Amino acid sequence: MAKSRNNSKANNDTDRYEQREKDDSNLKTKITLGFDFFLGQDTKGIGQTWEDWHQNGLIVSMLHKLKHLCTLTPGEAKSEGSLKIYGDFPPNSKFKCPQNLKSIDSWGTIRQMGNGGKTRIAGFYDKNYVFRVVFLDKKHEFWPTD
């Protein structure tokens, strides 16, 4: 019985993911960003602050990337590889999921910031398709296998 429940959950997760992908590809509005859930670092100190990124020369490339993303639809950003949506919080992440965001099923990363390829901004899509920035990840620790 538990096995069929697990299969049912996996099917529901797949269905939700496929529906979001379809919605994203049909969405004509440009990406909007939100910073109201921004932490930079998690409770274990994984991740960085704005100040860390400034000291490491990452702020300017990040701002250029965010400006560029706001000219794209979610489908366009995914097609060019700048945006990747994974679903649930990554199981092998070195980051700890904030307690108030445990139910989020649309976690993803902003990528390709032109500084060696490892740097990511992690966050999630809300129901209004606003990408909420949560973590800064210069060491590729949010979703280390991708």
N, C-alpha and C. Protein backbone atom coordinates (compact mmCIF):
# COMPACT_ATOMS: atom_id res chain seq x y z
N MET A 1 0.82 -1.20 0.00
CA MET A 1 0.00 0.00 0.00
C MET A 1 0.86 1.26 0.00
N ALA A 2 1.92 1.27 0.80
CA ALA A 2 2.79 2.44 0.86
C ALA A 2 3.44 2.70 -0.49
N LYS A 3 3.76 1.62 -1.20
CA LYS A 3 4.39 1.77 -2.49
C LYS A 3 3.47 2.51 -3.46
N SER A 4 2.18 2.17 -3.46
CA SER A 4 1.27 2.84 -4.38
C SER A 4 1.08 4.30 -3.98
N ARG A 5 1.12 4.61 -2.67
CA ARG A 5 1.06 6.01 -2.24
C ARG A 5 2.27 6.77 -2.73
N ASN A 6 3.45 6.15 -2.61
CA ASN A 6 4.67 6.80 -3.09
C ASN A 6 4.62 7.02 -4.60
N ASN A 7 4.13 6.02 -5.33
CA ASN A 7 3.98 6.17 -6.78
C ASN A 7 2.99 7.26 -7.10
N SER A 8 1.91 7.33 -6.33
CA SER A 8 0.90 8.37 -6.54
C SER A 8 1.50 9.75 -6.31
N LYS A 9 2.29 9.90 -5.25
CA LYS A 9 2.95 11.18 -4.96
C LYS A 9 3.91 11.54 -6.09
N ALA A 10 4.68 10.57 -6.56
CA ALA A 10 5.62 10.82 -7.65
C ALA A 10 4.87 11.25 -8.91
N ASN A 11 3.75 10.58 -9.19
CA ASN A 11 2.94 10.96 -10.35
C ASN A 11 2.38 12.36 -10.21
N ASN A 12 1.90 12.70 -9.00
CA ASN A 12 1.38 14.05 -8.77
C ASN A 12 2.48 15.09 -8.92
N ASP A 13 3.67 14.80 -8.40
CA ASP A 13 4.80 15.72 -8.55
C ASP A 13 5.15 15.91 -10.02
N THR A 14 5.16 14.81 -10.78
CA THR A 14 5.46 14.89 -12.21
C THR A 14 4.39 15.69 -12.93
N ASP A 15 3.12 15.43 -12.61
CA ASP A 15 2.03 16.17 -13.23
C ASP A 15 2.14 17.67 -12.95
N ARG A 16 2.45 18.02 -11.68
CA ARG A 16 2.60 19.43 -11.31
C ARG A 16 3.75 20.08 -12.07
N TYR A 17 4.86 19.36 -12.15
CA TYR A 17 6.03 19.88 -12.86
C TYR A 17 5.71 20.09 -14.34
N GLU A 18 5.07 19.10 -14.97
CA GLU A 18 4.73 19.21 -16.39
C GLU A 18 3.75 20.35 -16.63
N GLN A 19 2.80 20.54 -15.71
CA GLN A 19 1.85 21.64 -15.85
C GLN A 19 2.57 22.98 -15.74
N ARG A 20 3.49 23.10 -14.79
CA ARG A 20 4.25 24.36 -14.65
C ARG A 20 5.07 24.62 -15.90
N GLU A 21 5.71 23.58 -16.44
CA GLU A 21 6.49 23.74 -17.67
C GLU A 21 5.61 24.23 -18.81
N LYS A 22 4.43 23.67 -18.93
CA LYS A 22 3.49 24.09 -19.97
C LYS A 22 3.06 25.53 -19.75
N ASP A 23 2.72 25.86 -18.50
CA ASP A 23 2.32 27.23 -18.18
C ASP A 23 3.45 28.20 -18.47
N ASP A 24 4.68 27.85 -18.09
CA ASP A 24 5.82 28.73 -18.32
C ASP A 24 6.05 28.96 -19.81
N SER A 25 5.90 27.93 -20.62
CA SER A 25 6.16 28.08 -22.05
C SER A 25 5.09 28.93 -22.72
N ASN A 26 3.89 28.98 -22.14
CA ASN A 26 2.81 29.78 -22.70
C ASN A 26 2.72 31.18 -22.11
N LEU A 27 3.41 31.42 -21.02
CA LEU A 27 3.34 32.70 -20.33
C LEU A 27 4.04 33.77 -21.16
N LYS A 28 3.36 34.87 -21.39
CA LYS A 28 3.91 35.95 -22.22
C LYS A 28 4.47 37.10 -21.40
N THR A 29 4.21 37.12 -20.10
CA THR A 29 4.72 38.21 -19.27
C THR A 29 6.19 37.98 -18.95
N LYS A 30 6.88 39.06 -18.74
CA LYS A 30 8.31 39.00 -18.42
C LYS A 30 8.52 38.56 -16.97
N ILE A 31 9.68 38.07 -16.69
CA ILE A 31 10.03 37.62 -15.34
C ILE A 31 10.04 38.82 -14.40
N THR A 32 9.45 38.62 -13.25
CA THR A 32 9.47 39.60 -12.18
C THR A 32 10.24 38.98 -11.02
N LEU A 33 11.01 39.79 -10.32
CA LEU A 33 11.81 39.31 -9.20
C LEU A 33 11.31 39.90 -7.90
N GLY A 34 11.41 39.12 -6.83
CA GLY A 34 11.06 39.59 -5.50
C GLY A 34 12.17 39.26 -4.52
N PHE A 35 12.40 40.14 -3.58
CA PHE A 35 13.48 39.96 -2.61
C PHE A 35 12.96 39.89 -1.18
N ASP A 36 11.65 39.76 -1.03
CA ASP A 36 11.06 39.77 0.31
C ASP A 36 11.37 38.51 1.12
N PHE A 37 11.84 37.43 0.49
CA PHE A 37 12.24 36.22 1.21
C PHE A 37 13.76 36.06 1.24
N PHE A 38 14.49 37.10 0.84
CA PHE A 38 15.94 37.00 0.74
C PHE A 38 16.60 36.76 2.09
N LEU A 39 17.46 35.75 2.13
CA LEU A 39 18.26 35.44 3.31
C LEU A 39 19.76 35.55 3.02
N GLY A 40 20.16 35.22 1.80
CA GLY A 40 21.58 35.18 1.45
C GLY A 40 22.21 33.90 1.94
N GLN A 41 22.23 33.73 3.26
CA GLN A 41 22.76 32.52 3.89
C GLN A 41 21.64 31.78 4.61
N ASP A 42 21.84 30.47 4.79
CA ASP A 42 20.88 29.71 5.60
C ASP A 42 21.31 29.75 7.07
N THR A 43 20.61 29.03 7.92
CA THR A 43 20.90 29.05 9.36
C THR A 43 22.23 28.38 9.71
N LYS A 44 22.80 27.61 8.76
CA LYS A 44 24.10 26.96 8.98
C LYS A 44 25.25 27.82 8.46
N GLY A 45 24.94 28.97 7.87
CA GLY A 45 25.98 29.82 7.32
C GLY A 45 26.38 29.48 5.90
N ILE A 46 25.63 28.57 5.26
CA ILE A 46 25.89 28.23 3.86
C ILE A 46 25.28 29.33 3.00
N GLY A 47 26.00 29.75 1.98
CA GLY A 47 25.55 30.86 1.14
C GLY A 47 26.32 32.11 1.48
N GLN A 48 25.94 33.21 0.85
CA GLN A 48 26.67 34.44 1.05
C GLN A 48 25.71 35.62 1.22
N THR A 49 26.27 36.71 1.68
CA THR A 49 25.52 37.96 1.83
C THR A 49 25.82 38.85 0.62
N TRP A 50 25.05 39.93 0.50
CA TRP A 50 25.33 40.92 -0.55
C TRP A 50 26.76 41.43 -0.40
N GLU A 51 27.17 41.65 0.84
CA GLU A 51 28.52 42.17 1.10
C GLU A 51 29.60 41.20 0.62
N ASP A 52 29.38 39.90 0.86
CA ASP A 52 30.32 38.88 0.36
C ASP A 52 30.45 38.97 -1.15
N TRP A 53 29.31 39.06 -1.83
CA TRP A 53 29.34 39.11 -3.28
C TRP A 53 30.00 40.39 -3.76
N HIS A 54 29.78 41.48 -3.06
CA HIS A 54 30.43 42.74 -3.43
C HIS A 54 31.95 42.59 -3.30
N GLN A 55 32.41 42.04 -2.18
CA GLN A 55 33.85 41.87 -1.95
C GLN A 55 34.49 40.93 -2.96
N ASN A 56 33.70 39.98 -3.49
CA ASN A 56 34.22 39.02 -4.46
C ASN A 56 33.97 39.43 -5.91
N GLY A 57 33.50 40.66 -6.11
CA GLY A 57 33.29 41.17 -7.46
C GLY A 57 32.15 40.52 -8.22
N LEU A 58 31.15 40.02 -7.52
CA LEU A 58 30.04 39.31 -8.17
C LEU A 58 28.78 40.15 -8.33
N ILE A 59 28.70 41.28 -7.65
CA ILE A 59 27.47 42.08 -7.66
C ILE A 59 27.14 42.61 -9.06
N VAL A 60 28.12 43.14 -9.77
CA VAL A 60 27.85 43.73 -11.08
C VAL A 60 27.35 42.68 -12.06
N SER A 61 28.00 41.52 -12.11
CA SER A 61 27.54 40.47 -13.04
C SER A 61 26.15 39.98 -12.64
N MET A 62 25.86 39.93 -11.34
CA MET A 62 24.53 39.53 -10.88
C MET A 62 23.48 40.54 -11.34
N LEU A 63 23.77 41.82 -11.17
CA LEU A 63 22.81 42.85 -11.58
C LEU A 63 22.57 42.82 -13.08
N HIS A 64 23.62 42.61 -13.86
CA HIS A 64 23.44 42.48 -15.32
C HIS A 64 22.54 41.30 -15.65
N LYS A 65 22.76 40.17 -14.97
CA LYS A 65 21.95 38.98 -15.22
C LYS A 65 20.49 39.22 -14.84
N LEU A 66 20.26 39.82 -13.67
CA LEU A 66 18.89 40.08 -13.23
C LEU A 66 18.18 41.05 -14.18
N LYS A 67 18.89 42.07 -14.64
CA LYS A 67 18.31 43.01 -15.60
C LYS A 67 17.93 42.27 -16.88
N HIS A 68 18.83 41.42 -17.37
CA HIS A 68 18.55 40.64 -18.58
C HIS A 68 17.34 39.72 -18.38
N LEU A 69 17.27 39.04 -17.24
CA LEU A 69 16.15 38.13 -16.98
C LEU A 69 14.81 38.85 -17.03
N CYS A 70 14.78 40.08 -16.58
CA CYS A 70 13.52 40.83 -16.56
C CYS A 70 13.04 41.23 -17.95
N THR A 71 13.85 40.96 -18.99
CA THR A 71 13.43 41.20 -20.37
C THR A 71 12.89 39.93 -21.02
N LEU A 72 12.93 38.81 -20.29
CA LEU A 72 12.55 37.51 -20.84
C LEU A 72 11.28 36.97 -20.18
N THR A 73 10.59 36.11 -20.90
CA THR A 73 9.53 35.32 -20.29
C THR A 73 10.19 34.13 -19.60
N PRO A 74 9.49 33.45 -18.70
CA PRO A 74 10.08 32.25 -18.08
C PRO A 74 10.51 31.21 -19.11
N GLY A 75 9.71 31.01 -20.14
CA GLY A 75 10.07 30.04 -21.18
C GLY A 75 11.35 30.41 -21.90
N GLU A 76 11.51 31.70 -22.22
CA GLU A 76 12.73 32.15 -22.89
C GLU A 76 13.95 31.98 -21.99
N ALA A 77 13.80 32.32 -20.71
CA ALA A 77 14.92 32.19 -19.76
C ALA A 77 15.34 30.74 -19.60
N LYS A 78 14.36 29.84 -19.58
CA LYS A 78 14.68 28.41 -19.47
C LYS A 78 15.37 27.92 -20.74
N SER A 79 14.87 28.35 -21.90
CA SER A 79 15.44 27.92 -23.17
C SER A 79 16.90 28.32 -23.31
N GLU A 80 17.25 29.52 -22.84
CA GLU A 80 18.65 29.95 -22.97
C GLU A 80 19.52 29.44 -21.82
N GLY A 81 18.92 28.76 -20.84
CA GLY A 81 19.69 28.18 -19.74
C GLY A 81 19.94 29.10 -18.56
N SER A 82 19.30 30.26 -18.55
CA SER A 82 19.49 31.21 -17.45
C SER A 82 18.65 30.88 -16.22
N LEU A 83 17.60 30.11 -16.42
CA LEU A 83 16.69 29.78 -15.33
C LEU A 83 16.41 28.29 -15.35
N LYS A 84 16.53 27.67 -14.19
CA LYS A 84 16.23 26.23 -14.07
C LYS A 84 15.32 26.06 -12.87
N ILE A 85 14.15 25.45 -13.08
CA ILE A 85 13.21 25.18 -12.00
C ILE A 85 13.25 23.68 -11.73
N TYR A 86 13.46 23.32 -10.47
CA TYR A 86 13.64 21.92 -10.09
C TYR A 86 12.39 21.30 -9.48
N GLY A 87 11.64 22.07 -8.72
CA GLY A 87 10.51 21.52 -7.97
C GLY A 87 10.76 21.67 -6.49
N ASP A 88 10.65 20.56 -5.76
CA ASP A 88 10.87 20.59 -4.31
C ASP A 88 12.30 21.01 -3.97
N PHE A 89 12.49 21.43 -2.71
CA PHE A 89 13.83 21.79 -2.24
C PHE A 89 14.77 20.62 -2.49
N PRO A 90 15.97 20.87 -3.02
CA PRO A 90 16.85 19.76 -3.40
C PRO A 90 17.24 18.87 -2.22
N PRO A 91 17.10 17.57 -2.38
CA PRO A 91 17.38 16.64 -1.28
C PRO A 91 18.85 16.59 -0.87
N ASN A 92 19.77 16.87 -1.78
CA ASN A 92 21.20 16.80 -1.47
C ASN A 92 21.84 18.17 -1.29
N SER A 93 21.01 19.18 -1.09
CA SER A 93 21.53 20.54 -0.94
C SER A 93 22.33 20.69 0.35
N LYS A 94 23.38 21.48 0.29
CA LYS A 94 24.11 21.82 1.51
C LYS A 94 23.37 22.91 2.28
N PHE A 95 22.46 23.60 1.59
CA PHE A 95 21.62 24.61 2.24
C PHE A 95 20.52 23.94 3.05
N LYS A 96 20.06 24.62 4.06
CA LYS A 96 18.92 24.14 4.84
C LYS A 96 17.69 24.94 4.42
N CYS A 97 16.62 24.23 4.11
CA CYS A 97 15.38 24.89 3.69
C CYS A 97 14.79 25.67 4.86
N PRO A 98 14.47 26.95 4.65
CA PRO A 98 13.82 27.71 5.72
C PRO A 98 12.49 27.08 6.11
N GLN A 99 12.22 27.02 7.38
CA GLN A 99 11.01 26.38 7.90
C GLN A 99 9.75 26.92 7.23
N ASN A 100 9.68 28.24 7.02
CA ASN A 100 8.49 28.85 6.44
C ASN A 100 8.35 28.60 4.94
N LEU A 101 9.34 27.95 4.32
CA LEU A 101 9.29 27.68 2.88
C LEU A 101 9.30 26.19 2.56
N LYS A 102 9.07 25.35 3.55
CA LYS A 102 9.12 23.89 3.35
C LYS A 102 8.08 23.39 2.35
N SER A 103 6.95 24.07 2.22
CA SER A 103 5.89 23.60 1.33
C SER A 103 6.08 24.05 -0.12
N ILE A 104 7.08 24.85 -0.39
CA ILE A 104 7.32 25.36 -1.74
C ILE A 104 7.73 24.20 -2.65
N ASP A 105 7.11 24.13 -3.83
CA ASP A 105 7.43 23.05 -4.77
C ASP A 105 7.91 23.60 -6.12
N SER A 106 8.45 24.80 -6.08
CA SER A 106 8.91 25.43 -7.33
C SER A 106 10.27 26.10 -7.15
N TRP A 107 11.19 25.41 -6.45
CA TRP A 107 12.54 25.93 -6.24
C TRP A 107 13.33 25.88 -7.54
N GLY A 108 14.22 26.83 -7.70
CA GLY A 108 15.05 26.85 -8.89
C GLY A 108 16.25 27.75 -8.71
N THR A 109 17.01 27.90 -9.79
CA THR A 109 18.19 28.75 -9.75
C THR A 109 18.28 29.63 -10.98
N ILE A 110 18.86 30.79 -10.77
CA ILE A 110 19.27 31.68 -11.86
C ILE A 110 20.74 31.36 -12.09
N ARG A 111 21.08 31.15 -13.36
CA ARG A 111 22.41 30.65 -13.71
C ARG A 111 23.06 31.52 -14.78
N GLN A 112 24.25 31.12 -15.18
CA GLN A 112 25.00 31.74 -16.28
C GLN A 112 25.24 33.23 -16.05
N MET A 113 25.93 33.53 -14.97
CA MET A 113 26.21 34.93 -14.65
C MET A 113 27.56 35.39 -15.17
N GLY A 114 28.17 34.60 -16.02
CA GLY A 114 29.38 35.03 -16.70
C GLY A 114 30.62 35.10 -15.82
N ASN A 115 30.69 34.29 -14.79
CA ASN A 115 31.86 34.35 -13.91
C ASN A 115 32.34 32.95 -13.55
N GLY A 116 32.46 32.11 -14.53
CA GLY A 116 32.99 30.78 -14.30
C GLY A 116 31.96 29.67 -14.22
N GLY A 117 30.70 30.01 -14.18
CA GLY A 117 29.66 29.01 -14.26
C GLY A 117 29.15 28.42 -12.97
N LYS A 118 29.85 28.56 -11.86
CA LYS A 118 29.38 27.96 -10.60
C LYS A 118 28.34 28.81 -9.89
N THR A 119 28.41 30.10 -10.05
CA THR A 119 27.58 31.03 -9.28
C THR A 119 26.11 30.88 -9.63
N ARG A 120 25.29 30.82 -8.59
CA ARG A 120 23.84 30.68 -8.74
C ARG A 120 23.13 31.61 -7.76
N ILE A 121 21.91 31.95 -8.12
CA ILE A 121 20.99 32.60 -7.19
C ILE A 121 19.84 31.61 -7.04
N ALA A 122 19.57 31.19 -5.82
CA ALA A 122 18.52 30.20 -5.58
C ALA A 122 17.27 30.90 -5.03
N GLY A 123 16.14 30.38 -5.46
CA GLY A 123 14.87 30.92 -4.99
C GLY A 123 13.72 30.06 -5.48
N PHE A 124 12.55 30.65 -5.57
CA PHE A 124 11.38 29.88 -5.98
C PHE A 124 10.39 30.79 -6.71
N TYR A 125 9.54 30.16 -7.50
CA TYR A 125 8.42 30.84 -8.14
C TYR A 125 7.24 30.82 -7.18
N ASP A 126 6.56 31.94 -7.05
CA ASP A 126 5.32 31.92 -6.29
C ASP A 126 4.15 31.71 -7.26
N LYS A 127 2.93 31.70 -6.74
CA LYS A 127 1.77 31.41 -7.58
C LYS A 127 1.51 32.49 -8.63
N ASN A 128 2.11 33.67 -8.47
CA ASN A 128 1.96 34.75 -9.44
C ASN A 128 3.14 34.83 -10.40
N TYR A 129 3.96 33.80 -10.42
CA TYR A 129 5.13 33.71 -11.29
C TYR A 129 6.17 34.79 -11.01
N VAL A 130 6.27 35.19 -9.76
CA VAL A 130 7.35 36.07 -9.32
C VAL A 130 8.46 35.16 -8.79
N PHE A 131 9.68 35.34 -9.29
CA PHE A 131 10.80 34.55 -8.79
C PHE A 131 11.32 35.24 -7.53
N ARG A 132 11.17 34.56 -6.40
CA ARG A 132 11.58 35.09 -5.10
C ARG A 132 13.01 34.65 -4.80
N VAL A 133 13.92 35.60 -4.75
CA VAL A 133 15.33 35.32 -4.47
C VAL A 133 15.48 35.02 -2.98
N VAL A 134 16.12 33.87 -2.66
CA VAL A 134 16.30 33.47 -1.26
C VAL A 134 17.78 33.38 -0.89
N PHE A 135 18.57 32.67 -1.69
CA PHE A 135 19.97 32.42 -1.35
C PHE A 135 20.92 32.89 -2.45
N LEU A 136 22.12 33.28 -2.05
CA LEU A 136 23.23 33.52 -2.97
C LEU A 136 24.18 32.33 -2.84
N ASP A 137 24.57 31.78 -3.98
CA ASP A 137 25.32 30.52 -3.97
C ASP A 137 26.50 30.59 -4.94
N LYS A 138 27.62 31.12 -4.48
CA LYS A 138 28.78 31.24 -5.38
C LYS A 138 29.56 29.93 -5.51
N LYS A 139 29.28 28.94 -4.66
CA LYS A 139 30.03 27.68 -4.68
C LYS A 139 29.23 26.51 -5.26
N HIS A 140 28.05 26.79 -5.80
CA HIS A 140 27.21 25.75 -6.41
C HIS A 140 26.85 24.66 -5.40
N GLU A 141 26.34 25.08 -4.24
CA GLU A 141 25.99 24.15 -3.18
C GLU A 141 24.49 23.96 -3.01
N PHE A 142 23.69 24.75 -3.71
CA PHE A 142 22.24 24.62 -3.57
C PHE A 142 21.76 23.31 -4.21
N TRP A 143 22.12 23.10 -5.45
CA TRP A 143 21.80 21.86 -6.16
C TRP A 143 23.09 21.37 -6.80
N PRO A 144 23.97 20.76 -6.00
CA PRO A 144 25.34 20.48 -6.45
C PRO A 144 25.48 19.51 -7.62
N THR A 145 24.47 18.72 -7.93
CA THR A 145 24.62 17.76 -9.03
C THR A 145 24.30 18.35 -10.38
N ASP A 146 23.77 19.58 -10.43
CA ASP A 146 23.40 20.17 -11.72
C ASP A 146 24.33 21.30 -12.08
